[in-house]
C-alpha atoms as a PDB file:
ATOM      1  CA  MET A   1     -30.027   9.872 -11.927  1.00  0.00           C
ATOM      2  CA  LEU A   2     -26.996  10.911 -13.990  1.00  0.00           C
ATOM      3  CA  SER A   3     -27.607  11.858 -17.588  1.00  0.00           C
ATOM      4  CA  ILE A   4     -25.500  10.407 -20.366  1.00  0.00           C
ATOM      5  CA  ASP A   5     -23.564  13.680 -20.497  1.00  0.00           C
ATOM      6  CA  GLY A   6     -23.062  13.475 -16.787  1.00  0.00           C
ATOM      7  CA  VAL A   7     -21.739   9.943 -17.013  1.00  0.00           C
ATOM      8  CA  THR A   8     -19.472  10.974 -19.845  1.00  0.00           C
ATOM      9  CA  ASP A   9     -18.073  13.885 -17.805  1.00  0.00           C
ATOM     10  CA  LEU A  10     -17.563  11.644 -14.804  1.00  0.00           C
ATOM     11  CA  TRP A  11     -15.745   9.093 -16.969  1.00  0.00           C
ATOM     12  CA  ASP A  12     -13.543  11.747 -18.482  1.00  0.00           C
ATOM     13  CA  GLN A  13     -12.768  13.122 -15.045  1.00  0.00           C
ATOM     14  CA  LEU A  14     -11.821   9.625 -13.826  1.00  0.00           C
ATOM     15  CA  LEU A  15      -9.559   8.646 -16.735  1.00  0.00           C
ATOM     16  CA  GLY A  16      -8.338  12.135 -17.677  1.00  0.00           C
ATOM     17  CA  ALA A  17      -4.978  13.544 -16.599  1.00  0.00           C
ATOM     18  CA  GLN A  18      -4.956  16.340 -14.091  1.00  0.00           C
ATOM     19  CA  PRO A  19      -2.536  19.332 -14.297  1.00  0.00           C
ATOM     20  CA  ASP A  20       1.012  18.925 -13.188  1.00  0.00           C
ATOM     21  CA  PRO A  21       1.286  19.604  -9.464  1.00  0.00           C
ATOM     22  CA  PRO A  22       3.819  22.203  -8.250  1.00  0.00           C
ATOM     23  CA  GLY A  23       7.233  20.690  -7.820  1.00  0.00           C
ATOM     24  CA  MET A  24       7.416  21.935  -4.271  1.00  0.00           C
ATOM     25  CA  LEU A  25       4.175  20.069  -3.439  1.00  0.00           C
ATOM     26  CA  VAL A  26       5.797  16.793  -4.504  1.00  0.00           C
ATOM     27  CA  LEU A  27       8.900  17.468  -2.454  1.00  0.00           C
ATOM     28  CA  LEU A  28       6.967  18.548   0.638  1.00  0.00           C
ATOM     29  CA  THR A  29       4.712  15.481   0.496  1.00  0.00           C
ATOM     30  CA  ALA A  30       7.871  13.310   0.313  1.00  0.00           C
ATOM     31  CA  VAL A  31       9.101  14.936   3.507  1.00  0.00           C
ATOM     32  CA  ALA A  32       5.607  14.443   5.088  1.00  0.00           C
ATOM     33  CA  GLY A  33       5.576  10.796   4.069  1.00  0.00           C
ATOM     34  CA  PHE A  34       9.044  10.186   5.581  1.00  0.00           C
ATOM     35  CA  ILE A  35       8.154  11.971   8.814  1.00  0.00           C
ATOM     36  CA  ALA A  36       4.978   9.841   9.215  1.00  0.00           C
ATOM     37  CA  VAL A  37       7.154   6.731   9.035  1.00  0.00           C
ATOM     38  CA  ALA A  38      10.140   7.999  11.002  1.00  0.00           C
ATOM     39  CA  VAL A  39       8.361   9.639  13.998  1.00  0.00           C
ATOM     40  CA  ARG A  40       7.178   6.902  16.311  1.00  0.00           C
ATOM     41  CA  PRO A  41       3.910   8.474  17.692  1.00  0.00           C
ATOM     42  CA  VAL A  42       2.775   9.232  14.118  1.00  0.00           C
ATOM     43  CA  TRP A  43       3.831   5.887  12.837  1.00  0.00           C
ATOM     44  CA  ARG A  44       1.847   4.077  15.517  1.00  0.00           C
ATOM     45  CA  VAL A  45      -1.342   5.502  14.058  1.00  0.00           C
ATOM     46  CA  ALA A  46      -0.399   5.715  10.370  1.00  0.00           C
ATOM     47  CA  ARG A  47       0.873   2.144  10.391  1.00  0.00           C
ATOM     48  CA  ASN A  48      -2.749   0.996  10.053  1.00  0.00           C
ATOM     49  CA  ALA A  49      -2.647   1.974   6.355  1.00  0.00           C
ATOM     50  CA  VAL A  50       0.421  -0.235   5.858  1.00  0.00           C
ATOM     51  CA  THR A  51      -1.314  -3.123   7.638  1.00  0.00           C
ATOM     52  CA  ILE A  52      -4.318  -2.788   5.311  1.00  0.00           C
ATOM     53  CA  ALA A  53      -2.006  -2.994   2.302  1.00  0.00           C
ATOM     54  CA  HIS A  54      -0.085  -5.900   3.899  1.00  0.00           C
ATOM     55  CA  GLU A  55      -3.196  -8.054   4.552  1.00  0.00           C
ATOM     56  CA  GLY A  56      -4.623  -7.009   1.203  1.00  0.00           C
ATOM     57  CA  GLY A  57      -1.481  -8.389  -0.395  1.00  0.00           C
ATOM     58  CA  HIS A  58      -1.919 -11.732   1.290  1.00  0.00           C
ATOM     59  CA  ALA A  59      -5.576 -11.863   0.295  1.00  0.00           C
ATOM     60  CA  LEU A  60      -5.014 -10.917  -3.371  1.00  0.00           C
ATOM     61  CA  ILE A  61      -2.224 -13.448  -3.888  1.00  0.00           C
ATOM     62  CA  ALA A  62      -4.249 -16.139  -2.159  1.00  0.00           C
ATOM     63  CA  LEU A  63      -7.118 -15.600  -4.577  1.00  0.00           C
ATOM     64  CA  LEU A  64      -4.851 -15.373  -7.580  1.00  0.00           C
ATOM     65  CA  THR A  65      -3.198 -18.722  -6.741  1.00  0.00           C
ATOM     66  CA  GLY A  66      -6.506 -20.455  -6.311  1.00  0.00           C
ATOM     67  CA  ARG A  67      -6.795 -20.513  -2.569  1.00  0.00           C
ATOM     68  CA  LYS A  68     -10.099 -19.790  -0.861  1.00  0.00           C
ATOM     69  CA  LEU A  69     -10.056 -16.609   1.231  1.00  0.00           C
ATOM     70  CA  ARG A  70     -11.544 -17.239   4.706  1.00  0.00           C
ATOM     71  CA  GLY A  71     -11.341 -13.712   6.062  1.00  0.00           C
ATOM     72  CA  ILE A  72      -9.194 -10.814   7.147  1.00  0.00           C
ATOM     73  CA  ARG A  73      -8.713  -9.302  10.596  1.00  0.00           C
ATOM     74  CA  LEU A  74      -7.247  -5.869  11.342  1.00  0.00           C
ATOM     75  CA  GLU A  75      -6.384  -5.271  15.017  1.00  0.00           C
ATOM     76  CA  PHE A  76      -6.143  -2.096  17.086  1.00  0.00           C
ATOM     77  CA  ASP A  77      -2.441  -2.674  17.704  1.00  0.00           C
ATOM     78  CA  THR A  78      -1.894  -2.422  13.904  1.00  0.00           C
ATOM     79  CA  SER A  79      -1.360  -6.200  13.555  1.00  0.00           C
ATOM     80  CA  GLY A  80      -3.449  -8.227  11.152  1.00  0.00           C
ATOM     81  CA  LEU A  81      -4.280 -11.758  10.016  1.00  0.00           C
ATOM     82  CA  THR A  82      -5.433 -13.194   6.712  1.00  0.00           C
ATOM     83  CA  LEU A  83      -6.812 -16.698   6.642  1.00  0.00           C
ATOM     84  CA  SER A  84      -7.081 -18.772   3.452  1.00  0.00           C
ATOM     85  CA  ALA A  85      -7.822 -22.382   2.752  1.00  0.00           C
ATOM     86  CA  GLY A  86      -5.987 -24.678   0.392  1.00  0.00           C
ATOM     87  CA  ARG A  87      -2.810 -26.736   0.234  1.00  0.00           C
ATOM     88  CA  PRO A  88      -0.605 -25.908   3.325  1.00  0.00           C
ATOM     89  CA  THR A  89       2.470 -26.248   1.141  1.00  0.00           C
ATOM     90  CA  GLY A  90       3.382 -25.510  -2.449  1.00  0.00           C
ATOM     91  CA  LEU A  91       3.896 -22.469  -4.583  1.00  0.00           C
ATOM     92  CA  GLY A  92       0.544 -20.948  -3.848  1.00  0.00           C
ATOM     93  CA  MET A  93       1.144 -20.892  -0.097  1.00  0.00           C
ATOM     94  CA  ILE A  94       4.673 -19.563  -0.581  1.00  0.00           C
ATOM     95  CA  LEU A  95       3.487 -16.679  -2.787  1.00  0.00           C
ATOM     96  CA  THR A  96       0.671 -15.908  -0.362  1.00  0.00           C
ATOM     97  CA  LEU A  97       3.090 -15.583   2.529  1.00  0.00           C
ATOM     98  CA  LEU A  98       5.467 -13.603   0.398  1.00  0.00           C
ATOM     99  CA  GLY A  99       2.838 -11.122  -0.673  1.00  0.00           C
ATOM    100  CA  GLY A 100       2.265  -9.404   2.671  1.00  0.00           C
ATOM    101  CA  TYR A 101       5.478  -7.504   3.425  1.00  0.00           C
ATOM    102  CA  ILE A 102       6.088  -6.441  -0.146  1.00  0.00           C
ATOM    103  CA  ALA A 103       2.505  -5.371  -0.856  1.00  0.00           C
ATOM    104  CA  PRO A 104       2.645  -1.769   0.559  1.00  0.00           C
ATOM    105  CA  SER A 105       5.749  -0.969  -1.445  1.00  0.00           C
ATOM    106  CA  LEU A 106       4.416  -2.467  -4.649  1.00  0.00           C
ATOM    107  CA  VAL A 107       1.093  -0.552  -4.189  1.00  0.00           C
ATOM    108  CA  GLY A 108       3.266   2.541  -3.715  1.00  0.00           C
ATOM    109  CA  VAL A 109       5.080   1.928  -7.041  1.00  0.00           C
ATOM    110  CA  LEU A 110       1.712   1.477  -8.782  1.00  0.00           C
ATOM    111  CA  GLY A 111       0.497   4.729  -7.267  1.00  0.00           C
ATOM    112  CA  ALA A 112       3.714   6.442  -8.284  1.00  0.00           C
ATOM    113  CA  TRP A 113       3.198   5.247 -11.874  1.00  0.00           C
ATOM    114  CA  LEU A 114      -0.327   6.638 -11.952  1.00  0.00           C
ATOM    115  CA  LEU A 115       0.828   9.963 -10.409  1.00  0.00           C
ATOM    116  CA  GLY A 116       3.627  10.128 -12.934  1.00  0.00           C
ATOM    117  CA  GLY A 117       0.871  10.252 -15.572  1.00  0.00           C
ATOM    118  CA  ASN A 118      -1.126  12.742 -13.527  1.00  0.00           C
ATOM    119  CA  ARG A 119      -3.936  10.250 -12.964  1.00  0.00           C
ATOM    120  CA  ILE A 120      -4.713  11.587  -9.471  1.00  0.00           C
ATOM    121  CA  THR A 121      -8.477  11.023  -9.525  1.00  0.00           C
ATOM    122  CA  LEU A 122      -8.062   7.537 -10.940  1.00  0.00           C
ATOM    123  CA  LEU A 123      -5.662   6.688  -8.179  1.00  0.00           C
ATOM    124  CA  LEU A 124      -8.003   7.828  -5.449  1.00  0.00           C
ATOM    125  CA  TRP A 125     -10.984   6.020  -6.923  1.00  0.00           C
ATOM    126  CA  LEU A 126      -9.038   2.787  -7.332  1.00  0.00           C
ATOM    127  CA  ALA A 127      -8.092   3.051  -3.673  1.00  0.00           C
ATOM    128  CA  VAL A 128     -11.798   3.372  -2.727  1.00  0.00           C
ATOM    129  CA  VAL A 129     -12.716   0.364  -4.847  1.00  0.00           C
ATOM    130  CA  LEU A 130      -9.974  -1.817  -3.420  1.00  0.00           C
ATOM    131  CA  LEU A 131     -10.889  -0.820   0.154  1.00  0.00           C
ATOM    132  CA  LEU A 132     -14.523  -1.758  -0.538  1.00  0.00           C
ATOM    133  CA  LEU A 133     -13.542  -5.109  -1.973  1.00  0.00           C
ATOM    134  CA  MET A 134     -11.375  -5.789   1.067  1.00  0.00           C
ATOM    135  CA  LEU A 135     -14.238  -4.771   3.372  1.00  0.00           C
ATOM    136  CA  ILE A 136     -16.294  -7.735   2.120  1.00  0.00           C
ATOM    137  CA  ASN A 137     -13.795 -10.108   3.665  1.00  0.00           C
ATOM    138  CA  ILE A 138     -13.207  -8.377   6.983  1.00  0.00           C
ATOM    139  CA  ARG A 139     -14.192 -10.494   9.997  1.00  0.00           C
ATOM    140  CA  ASN A 140     -13.839  -8.198  13.016  1.00  0.00           C
ATOM    141  CA  LEU A 141     -15.399  -4.894  14.096  1.00  0.00           C
ATOM    142  CA  PHE A 142     -12.226  -2.848  14.302  1.00  0.00           C
ATOM    143  CA  GLY A 143     -11.301  -3.961  10.786  1.00  0.00           C
ATOM    144  CA  VAL A 144     -14.680  -2.818   9.470  1.00  0.00           C
ATOM    145  CA  VAL A 145     -14.446   0.530  11.190  1.00  0.00           C
ATOM    146  CA  SER A 146     -10.843   0.968  10.039  1.00  0.00           C
ATOM    147  CA  LEU A 147     -11.659   0.340   6.361  1.00  0.00           C
ATOM    148  CA  LEU A 148     -14.858   2.422   6.472  1.00  0.00           C
ATOM    149  CA  VAL A 149     -13.068   5.429   7.953  1.00  0.00           C
ATOM    150  CA  THR A 150     -10.154   5.083   5.511  1.00  0.00           C
ATOM    151  CA  GLY A 151     -12.447   4.622   2.535  1.00  0.00           C
ATOM    152  CA  ALA A 152     -14.621   7.607   3.595  1.00  0.00           C
ATOM    153  CA  ILE A 153     -11.597   9.886   3.846  1.00  0.00           C
ATOM    154  CA  VAL A 154     -10.280   8.892   0.435  1.00  0.00           C
ATOM    155  CA  PHE A 155     -13.719   9.225  -1.189  1.00  0.00           C
ATOM    156  CA  ALA A 156     -14.355  12.633   0.446  1.00  0.00           C
ATOM    157  CA  VAL A 157     -11.041  13.946  -0.802  1.00  0.00           C
ATOM    158  CA  SER A 158     -11.596  12.502  -4.365  1.00  0.00           C
ATOM    159  CA  TRP A 159     -15.206  13.938  -4.570  1.00  0.00           C
ATOM    160  CA  TYR A 160     -15.185  17.187  -2.689  1.00  0.00           C
ATOM    161  CA  ALA A 161     -11.599  18.498  -2.404  1.00  0.00           C
ATOM    162  CA  GLU A 162      -9.971  20.954  -4.722  1.00  0.00           C
ATOM    163  CA  PRO A 163      -7.447  19.542  -7.234  1.00  0.00           C
ATOM    164  CA  GLU A 164      -4.492  20.880  -5.232  1.00  0.00           C
ATOM    165  CA  THR A 165      -5.733  19.144  -2.110  1.00  0.00           C
ATOM    166  CA  GLN A 166      -6.333  15.908  -4.007  1.00  0.00           C
ATOM    167  CA  ALA A 167      -2.812  16.069  -5.347  1.00  0.00           C
ATOM    168  CA  ALA A 168      -1.273  16.660  -1.942  1.00  0.00           C
ATOM    169  CA  PHE A 169      -3.291  13.853  -0.430  1.00  0.00           C
ATOM    170  CA  ALA A 170      -2.430  11.384  -3.205  1.00  0.00           C
ATOM    171  CA  TYR A 171       1.249  12.213  -3.226  1.00  0.00           C
ATOM    172  CA  ALA A 172       1.596  12.052   0.529  1.00  0.00           C
ATOM    173  CA  GLY A 173      -0.161   8.670   0.567  1.00  0.00           C
ATOM    174  CA  VAL A 174       2.078   7.253  -2.129  1.00  0.00           C
ATOM    175  CA  TRP A 175       5.235   8.511  -0.488  1.00  0.00           C
ATOM    176  CA  PHE A 176       4.028   7.105   2.821  1.00  0.00           C
ATOM    177  CA  LEU A 177       3.556   3.624   1.336  1.00  0.00           C
ATOM    178  CA  LEU A 178       6.937   3.713  -0.387  1.00  0.00           C
ATOM    179  CA  PHE A 179       8.749   4.643   2.879  1.00  0.00           C
ATOM    180  CA  GLY A 180       6.293   2.694   5.090  1.00  0.00           C
ATOM    181  CA  GLY A 181       6.972  -0.577   3.319  1.00  0.00           C
ATOM    182  CA  VAL A 182      10.582  -0.540   4.498  1.00  0.00           C
ATOM    183  CA  ARG A 183      10.203   0.041   8.219  1.00  0.00           C
ATOM    184  CA  PRO A 184       8.081  -3.044   9.076  1.00  0.00           C
ATOM    185  CA  VAL A 185      10.878  -5.273   7.726  1.00  0.00           C
ATOM    186  CA  PHE A 186      13.269  -3.862  10.299  1.00  0.00           C
ATOM    187  CA  GLU A 187      10.603  -4.194  12.991  1.00  0.00           C
ATOM    188  CA  LEU A 188      10.072  -7.745  12.020  1.00  0.00           C
ATOM    189  CA  GLN A 189      13.737  -8.691  12.298  1.00  0.00           C
ATOM    190  CA  SER A 190      14.029  -6.785  15.568  1.00  0.00           C
ATOM    191  CA  LEU A 191      11.177  -8.789  17.075  1.00  0.00           C
ATOM    192  CA  ARG A 192      12.616 -12.010  15.692  1.00  0.00           C
ATOM    193  CA  GLY A 193      15.992 -11.203  17.227  1.00  0.00           C
ATOM    194  CA  ARG A 194      14.281 -10.919  20.649  1.00  0.00           C
ATOM    195  CA  GLY A 195      12.706 -14.315  20.203  1.00  0.00           C
ATOM    196  CA  ARG A 196       9.271 -13.013  19.275  1.00  0.00           C
ATOM    197  CA  MET A 197       7.264 -13.437  16.056  1.00  0.00           C
ATOM    198  CA  ARG A 198       8.246 -17.121  15.798  1.00  0.00           C
ATOM    199  CA  ASP A 199       5.289 -17.626  13.404  1.00  0.00           C
ATOM    200  CA  SER A 200       6.048 -14.618  11.200  1.00  0.00           C
ATOM    201  CA  ASP A 201       5.714 -14.728   7.452  1.00  0.00           C
ATOM    202  CA  ALA A 202       9.470 -15.120   7.169  1.00  0.00           C
ATOM    203  CA  ASP A 203       9.497 -18.063   9.606  1.00  0.00           C
ATOM    204  CA  GLN A 204       6.605 -19.811   7.854  1.00  0.00           C
ATOM    205  CA  LEU A 205       8.406 -19.323   4.524  1.00  0.00           C
ATOM    206  CA  ALA A 206      11.507 -20.859   6.093  1.00  0.00           C
ATOM    207  CA  ARG A 207       9.578 -23.946   7.166  1.00  0.00           C
ATOM    208  CA  LEU A 208       8.023 -24.305   3.680  1.00  0.00           C
ATOM    209  CA  THR A 209      11.190 -23.724   1.647  1.00  0.00           C
ATOM    210  CA  HIS A 210      13.986 -24.870   4.026  1.00  0.00           C
ATOM    211  CA  LEU A 211      15.683 -21.524   3.433  1.00  0.00           C
ATOM    212  CA  PRO A 212      16.626 -19.475   6.528  1.00  0.00           C
ATOM    213  CA  ALA A 213      14.032 -16.949   7.735  1.00  0.00           C
ATOM    214  CA  LEU A 214      16.721 -14.301   7.537  1.00  0.00           C
ATOM    215  CA  PHE A 215      16.938 -14.957   3.785  1.00  0.00           C
ATOM    216  CA  TRP A 216      13.220 -14.103   3.413  1.00  0.00           C
ATOM    217  CA  VAL A 217      13.614 -11.031   5.584  1.00  0.00           C
ATOM    218  CA  GLY A 218      16.370  -9.949   3.207  1.00  0.00           C
ATOM    219  CA  ILE A 219      14.096 -10.604   0.239  1.00  0.00           C
ATOM    220  CA  PHE A 220      11.436  -8.356   1.758  1.00  0.00           C
ATOM    221  CA  LEU A 221      13.973  -5.618   2.348  1.00  0.00           C
ATOM    222  CA  VAL A 222      15.544  -5.813  -1.130  1.00  0.00           C
ATOM    223  CA  VAL A 223      12.194  -5.764  -2.911  1.00  0.00           C
ATOM    224  CA  ASN A 224      10.936  -2.842  -0.817  1.00  0.00           C
ATOM    225  CA  LEU A 225      14.127  -0.781  -1.248  1.00  0.00           C
ATOM    226  CA  ILE A 226      13.983  -1.311  -5.011  1.00  0.00           C
ATOM    227  CA  ALA A 227      10.321  -0.272  -4.940  1.00  0.00           C
ATOM    228  CA  LEU A 228      11.256   2.844  -3.002  1.00  0.00           C
ATOM    229  CA  VAL A 229      13.915   3.810  -5.519  1.00  0.00           C
ATOM    230  CA  ALA A 230      11.645   3.051  -8.522  1.00  0.00           C
ATOM    231  CA  GLY A 231       8.754   4.966  -6.982  1.00  0.00           C
ATOM    232  CA  ALA A 232      10.941   7.948  -6.141  1.00  0.00           C
ATOM    233  CA  PHE A 233      12.318   7.930  -9.762  1.00  0.00           C
ATOM    234  CA  LEU A 234       8.754   7.936 -11.116  1.00  0.00           C
ATOM    235  CA  LEU A 235       7.800  10.894  -8.938  1.00  0.00           C
ATOM    236  CA  ALA A 236      11.102  12.768  -9.348  1.00  0.00           C
ATOM    237  CA  GLY A 237      10.191  14.146 -12.721  1.00  0.00           C
ATOM    238  CA  GLN A 238       7.423  16.194 -11.083  1.00  0.00           C
ATOM    239  CA  TRP A 239       9.937  18.442  -9.349  1.00  0.00           C
ATOM    240  CA  LEU A 240      13.014  18.158 -11.504  1.00  0.00           C
ATOM    241  CA  PRO A 241      13.531  20.795 -14.290  1.00  0.00           C
ATOM    242  CA  GLU A 242      12.193  19.910 -17.734  1.00  0.00           C
ATOM    243  CA  GLY A 243      14.333  17.294 -19.256  1.00  0.00           C
ATOM    244  CA  GLY A 244      14.681  15.316 -16.012  1.00  0.00           C
ATOM    245  CA  LEU A 245      17.918  13.880 -14.789  1.00  0.00           C
ATOM    246  CA  SER A 246      21.140  14.620 -16.616  1.00  0.00           C
ATOM    247  CA  LEU A 247      24.677  13.430 -16.182  1.00  0.00           C
END
């Protein structure tokens, strides 16, 4: 068992700020995050992380709006499904549908804010906790395996890796979510344009609100682009000269 001193040290490590990472590390992880989203073979695998955040967004908003969460499925093709019970119309359902496509980008902004304060360990541990909470509601084998593997990797990095490795991992993950929140919106509209995805989040929102599905696709895109700019601004101070941006 941990002693009181051990618990105190662990708590200090969790809440304390880590040293500033090298500016080049922040820049290189931004490039790595962009490549992971832009290169199709890499994206096909890495997209699972975006799907986890997407379905987690649906689930969280459903609970916050008083809906009952029935379960979450994560599929091998990187698609997902979140089922909740409650009124099929109304603000709660609208917000639940809206939460999916913007969740990865908003998680990225939260991560950027924590990294801006050098709370690298806290960020990694929060990720582990959220993955474990999501695991409780997973209803298929691939989803369980996907979350266990992802959680194990994040935990191993947070517990065993050197601070430099933790920083590189955390920054790359946050950049990936910031960039990765944008691409699925274009993929969604591309599929809709070919007559597929007729029951997408945007189309369901259109039926609930009587606003065009393209309007909701635009909302997803605008929110995620704003999140990308905000997240990049929060992280930019880590590689800019002291004093930050100047005109």
